[in-house]
Amino acid sequence: MIGYVTLGTNDLARAAKFYDELLAEIGATDEGPSGPRGDGGFYAGYFRDLD
C-alpha cells in the first residue's frame, strides 16, 4: 500500500527535528535525503517502515 501525507511549514529546521524524532520512534529507516521529485515542484522524502 502506498500512502501520502502532506504537511506544510515555513520552519524547515523544526520540521527536520520533528521528522527525525518521529522516524526514530517508529523504528523506520531513512531511504535518502528529502528533495525535489520529478517535474512540477513535488518535494518529498522516503522512509521504510518494516512493519
PDB file of N, CA and C in Angstrom:
ATOM      1  N   MET A   1       0.833  -1.168   0.000  1.00  0.00           N
ATOM      2  CA  MET A   1       0.000   0.000   0.000  1.00  0.00           C
ATOM      3  C   MET A   1       0.883   1.237   0.000  1.00  0.00           C
ATOM      4  N   ILE A   2       0.560   2.169  -0.820  1.00  0.00           N
ATOM      5  CA  ILE A   2       1.280   3.438  -0.874  1.00  0.00           C
ATOM      6  C   ILE A   2       0.347   4.521  -0.363  1.00  0.00           C
ATOM      7  N   GLY A   3       0.840   5.332   0.545  1.00  0.00           N
ATOM      8  CA  GLY A   3       0.038   6.430   1.067  1.00  0.00           C
ATOM      9  C   GLY A   3       0.876   7.687   1.170  1.00  0.00           C
ATOM     10  N   TYR A   4       0.222   8.796   1.080  1.00  0.00           N
ATOM     11  CA  TYR A   4       0.905  10.080   1.184  1.00  0.00           C
ATOM     12  C   TYR A   4       0.241  10.912   2.268  1.00  0.00           C
ATOM     13  N   VAL A   5       1.051  11.625   3.009  1.00  0.00           N
ATOM     14  CA  VAL A   5       0.579  12.609   3.966  1.00  0.00           C
ATOM     15  C   VAL A   5       1.339  13.888   3.662  1.00  0.00           C
ATOM     16  N   THR A   6       0.637  14.985   3.569  1.00  0.00           N
ATOM     17  CA  THR A   6       1.311  16.253   3.306  1.00  0.00           C
ATOM     18  C   THR A   6       1.077  17.215   4.460  1.00  0.00           C
ATOM     19  N   LEU A   7       2.138  17.874   4.843  1.00  0.00           N
ATOM     20  CA  LEU A   7       2.095  18.893   5.886  1.00  0.00           C
ATOM     21  C   LEU A   7       2.905  20.075   5.399  1.00  0.00           C
ATOM     22  N   GLY A   8       2.495  21.263   5.757  1.00  0.00           N
ATOM     23  CA  GLY A   8       3.228  22.453   5.341  1.00  0.00           C
ATOM     24  C   GLY A   8       3.846  23.165   6.525  1.00  0.00           C
ATOM     25  N   THR A   9       4.988  23.800   6.277  1.00  0.00           N
ATOM     26  CA  THR A   9       5.656  24.581   7.324  1.00  0.00           C
ATOM     27  C   THR A   9       6.599  25.579   6.674  1.00  0.00           C
ATOM     28  N   ASN A  10       6.886  26.623   7.389  1.00  0.00           N
ATOM     29  CA  ASN A  10       7.911  27.579   6.969  1.00  0.00           C
ATOM     30  C   ASN A  10       9.177  27.429   7.801  1.00  0.00           C
ATOM     31  N   ASP A  11       9.155  26.566   8.808  1.00  0.00           N
ATOM     32  CA  ASP A  11      10.290  26.361   9.707  1.00  0.00           C
ATOM     33  C   ASP A  11      10.912  24.993   9.411  1.00  0.00           C
ATOM     34  N   LEU A  12      11.795  24.948   8.422  1.00  0.00           N
ATOM     35  CA  LEU A  12      12.354  23.673   7.979  1.00  0.00           C
ATOM     36  C   LEU A  12      13.226  23.005   9.041  1.00  0.00           C
ATOM     37  N   ALA A  13      13.942  23.780   9.830  1.00  0.00           N
ATOM     38  CA  ALA A  13      14.774  23.185  10.883  1.00  0.00           C
ATOM     39  C   ALA A  13      13.898  22.480  11.925  1.00  0.00           C
ATOM     40  N   ARG A  14      12.802  23.110  12.295  1.00  0.00           N
ATOM     41  CA  ARG A  14      11.888  22.497  13.266  1.00  0.00           C
ATOM     42  C   ARG A  14      11.230  21.253  12.668  1.00  0.00           C
ATOM     43  N   ALA A  15      10.871  21.312  11.393  1.00  0.00           N
ATOM     44  CA  ALA A  15      10.264  20.158  10.725  1.00  0.00           C
ATOM     45  C   ALA A  15      11.251  18.995  10.660  1.00  0.00           C
ATOM     46  N   ALA A  16      12.512  19.270  10.349  1.00  0.00           N
ATOM     47  CA  ALA A  16      13.523  18.208  10.276  1.00  0.00           C
ATOM     48  C   ALA A  16      13.692  17.540  11.633  1.00  0.00           C
ATOM     49  N   LYS A  17      13.718  18.321  12.704  1.00  0.00           N
ATOM     50  CA  LYS A  17      13.833  17.760  14.048  1.00  0.00           C
ATOM     51  C   LYS A  17      12.623  16.874  14.365  1.00  0.00           C
ATOM     52  N   PHE A  18      11.432  17.352  14.030  1.00  0.00           N
ATOM     53  CA  PHE A  18      10.206  16.588  14.251  1.00  0.00           C
ATOM     54  C   PHE A  18      10.257  15.242  13.533  1.00  0.00           C
ATOM     55  N   TYR A  19      10.611  15.251  12.249  1.00  0.00           N
ATOM     56  CA  TYR A  19      10.626  14.007  11.483  1.00  0.00           C
ATOM     57  C   TYR A  19      11.752  13.069  11.906  1.00  0.00           C
ATOM     58  N   ASP A  20      12.902  13.611  12.278  1.00  0.00           N
ATOM     59  CA  ASP A  20      13.977  12.757  12.789  1.00  0.00           C
ATOM     60  C   ASP A  20      13.510  12.006  14.035  1.00  0.00           C
ATOM     61  N   GLU A  21      12.852  12.721  14.940  1.00  0.00           N
ATOM     62  CA  GLU A  21      12.351  12.083  16.167  1.00  0.00           C
ATOM     63  C   GLU A  21      11.233  11.093  15.852  1.00  0.00           C
ATOM     64  N   LEU A  22      10.359  11.439  14.934  1.00  0.00           N
ATOM     65  CA  LEU A  22       9.257  10.549  14.557  1.00  0.00           C
ATOM     66  C   LEU A  22       9.774   9.245  13.955  1.00  0.00           C
ATOM     67  N   LEU A  23      10.696   9.330  13.014  1.00  0.00           N
ATOM     68  CA  LEU A  23      11.235   8.126  12.384  1.00  0.00           C
ATOM     69  C   LEU A  23      11.955   7.247  13.402  1.00  0.00           C
ATOM     70  N   ALA A  24      12.682   7.862  14.330  1.00  0.00           N
ATOM     71  CA  ALA A  24      13.363   7.087  15.373  1.00  0.00           C
ATOM     72  C   ALA A  24      12.338   6.383  16.269  1.00  0.00           C
ATOM     73  N   GLU A  25      11.255   7.043  16.582  1.00  0.00           N
ATOM     74  CA  GLU A  25      10.224   6.475  17.467  1.00  0.00           C
ATOM     75  C   GLU A  25       9.557   5.251  16.850  1.00  0.00           C
ATOM     76  N   ILE A  26       9.292   5.280  15.562  1.00  0.00           N
ATOM     77  CA  ILE A  26       8.590   4.161  14.924  1.00  0.00           C
ATOM     78  C   ILE A  26       9.547   3.115  14.353  1.00  0.00           C
ATOM     79  N   GLY A  27      10.850   3.347  14.483  1.00  0.00           N
ATOM     80  CA  GLY A  27      11.831   2.381  14.023  1.00  0.00           C
ATOM     81  C   GLY A  27      12.014   2.349  12.519  1.00  0.00           C
ATOM     82  N   ALA A  28      11.646   3.424  11.863  1.00  0.00           N
ATOM     83  CA  ALA A  28      11.780   3.488  10.408  1.00  0.00           C
ATOM     84  C   ALA A  28      13.198   3.901  10.035  1.00  0.00           C
ATOM     85  N   THR A  29      13.595   3.592   8.812  1.00  0.00           N
ATOM     86  CA  THR A  29      14.909   3.996   8.328  1.00  0.00           C
ATOM     87  C   THR A  29      14.761   4.989   7.193  1.00  0.00           C
ATOM     88  N   ASP A  30      15.651   5.956   7.171  1.00  0.00           N
ATOM     89  CA  ASP A  30      15.675   6.977   6.129  1.00  0.00           C
ATOM     90  C   ASP A  30      16.232   6.349   4.857  1.00  0.00           C
ATOM     91  N   GLU A  31      15.555   6.536   3.751  1.00  0.00           N
ATOM     92  CA  GLU A  31      15.988   5.951   2.482  1.00  0.00           C
ATOM     93  C   GLU A  31      16.570   6.998   1.547  1.00  0.00           C
ATOM     94  N   GLY A  32      17.146   8.035   2.106  1.00  0.00           N
ATOM     95  CA  GLY A  32      17.756   9.084   1.300  1.00  0.00           C
ATOM     96  C   GLY A  32      17.225  10.446   1.689  1.00  0.00           C
ATOM     97  N   PRO A  33      17.931  11.484   1.299  1.00  0.00           N
ATOM     98  CA  PRO A  33      17.529  12.827   1.693  1.00  0.00           C
ATOM     99  C   PRO A  33      16.240  13.281   1.004  1.00  0.00           C
ATOM    100  N   SER A  34      15.531  14.165   1.674  1.00  0.00           N
ATOM    101  CA  SER A  34      14.365  14.788   1.055  1.00  0.00           C
ATOM    102  C   SER A  34      14.831  15.680  -0.085  1.00  0.00           C
ATOM    103  N   GLY A  35      13.949  15.899  -1.038  1.00  0.00           N
ATOM    104  CA  GLY A  35      14.301  16.780  -2.139  1.00  0.00           C
ATOM    105  C   GLY A  35      13.255  16.767  -3.224  1.00  0.00           C
ATOM    106  N   PRO A  36      13.500  17.527  -4.273  1.00  0.00           N
ATOM    107  CA  PRO A  36      12.557  17.593  -5.384  1.00  0.00           C
ATOM    108  C   PRO A  36      12.400  16.228  -6.044  1.00  0.00           C
ATOM    109  N   ARG A  37      11.192  15.894  -6.414  1.00  0.00           N
ATOM    110  CA  ARG A  37      10.901  14.631  -7.103  1.00  0.00           C
ATOM    111  C   ARG A  37      10.164  14.946  -8.402  1.00  0.00           C
ATOM    112  N   GLY A  38      10.709  14.484  -9.500  1.00  0.00           N
ATOM    113  CA  GLY A  38      10.055  14.674 -10.792  1.00  0.00           C
ATOM    114  C   GLY A  38       9.940  16.139 -11.168  1.00  0.00           C
ATOM    115  N   ASP A  39       9.020  16.426 -12.053  1.00  0.00           N
ATOM    116  CA  ASP A  39       8.772  17.795 -12.506  1.00  0.00           C
ATOM    117  C   ASP A  39       7.540  18.348 -11.800  1.00  0.00           C
ATOM    118  N   GLY A  40       7.439  19.633 -11.722  1.00  0.00           N
ATOM    119  CA  GLY A  40       6.228  20.234 -11.184  1.00  0.00           C
ATOM    120  C   GLY A  40       6.303  20.659  -9.732  1.00  0.00           C
ATOM    121  N   GLY A  41       7.494  20.651  -9.128  1.00  0.00           N
ATOM    122  CA  GLY A  41       7.633  21.182  -7.778  1.00  0.00           C
ATOM    123  C   GLY A  41       7.251  20.246  -6.652  1.00  0.00           C
ATOM    124  N   PHE A  42       7.175  18.945  -6.902  1.00  0.00           N
ATOM    125  CA  PHE A  42       6.856  17.989  -5.837  1.00  0.00           C
ATOM    126  C   PHE A  42       8.115  17.743  -5.022  1.00  0.00           C
ATOM    127  N   TYR A  43       8.054  17.966  -3.728  1.00  0.00           N
ATOM    128  CA  TYR A  43       9.187  17.817  -2.824  1.00  0.00           C
ATOM    129  C   TYR A  43       8.819  16.758  -1.794  1.00  0.00           C
ATOM    130  N   ALA A  44       9.663  15.749  -1.632  1.00  0.00           N
ATOM    131  CA  ALA A  44       9.281  14.651  -0.750  1.00  0.00           C
ATOM    132  C   ALA A  44      10.494  13.964  -0.154  1.00  0.00           C
ATOM    133  N   GLY A  45      10.232  13.169   0.853  1.00  0.00           N
ATOM    134  CA  GLY A  45      11.213  12.280   1.454  1.00  0.00           C
ATOM    135  C   GLY A  45      10.643  10.865   1.438  1.00  0.00           C
ATOM    136  N   TYR A  46      11.482   9.890   1.659  1.00  0.00           N
ATOM    137  CA  TYR A  46      11.045   8.487   1.630  1.00  0.00           C
ATOM    138  C   TYR A  46      11.666   7.769   2.795  1.00  0.00           C
ATOM    139  N   PHE A  47      10.865   6.988   3.486  1.00  0.00           N
ATOM    140  CA  PHE A  47      11.406   6.160   4.552  1.00  0.00           C
ATOM    141  C   PHE A  47      10.768   4.773   4.474  1.00  0.00           C
ATOM    142  N   ARG A  48      11.449   3.817   5.092  1.00  0.00           N
ATOM    143  CA  ARG A  48      10.970   2.431   5.074  1.00  0.00           C
ATOM    144  C   ARG A  48      10.636   2.014   6.515  1.00  0.00           C
ATOM    145  N   ASP A  49       9.425   1.548   6.692  1.00  0.00           N
ATOM    146  CA  ASP A  49       8.973   1.007   7.974  1.00  0.00           C
ATOM    147  C   ASP A  49       8.701  -0.474   7.754  1.00  0.00           C
ATOM    148  N   LEU A  50       9.483  -1.329   8.362  1.00  0.00           N
ATOM    149  CA  LEU A  50       9.392  -2.768   8.087  1.00  0.00           C
ATOM    150  C   LEU A  50       8.106  -3.402   8.603  1.00  0.00           C
ATOM    151  N   ASP A  51       7.352  -2.703   9.432  1.00  0.00           N
ATOM    152  CA  ASP A  51       6.067  -3.226   9.866  1.00  0.00           C
ATOM    153  C   ASP A  51       5.068  -3.064   8.751  1.00  0.00           C
TER     154      ASP A  51
END
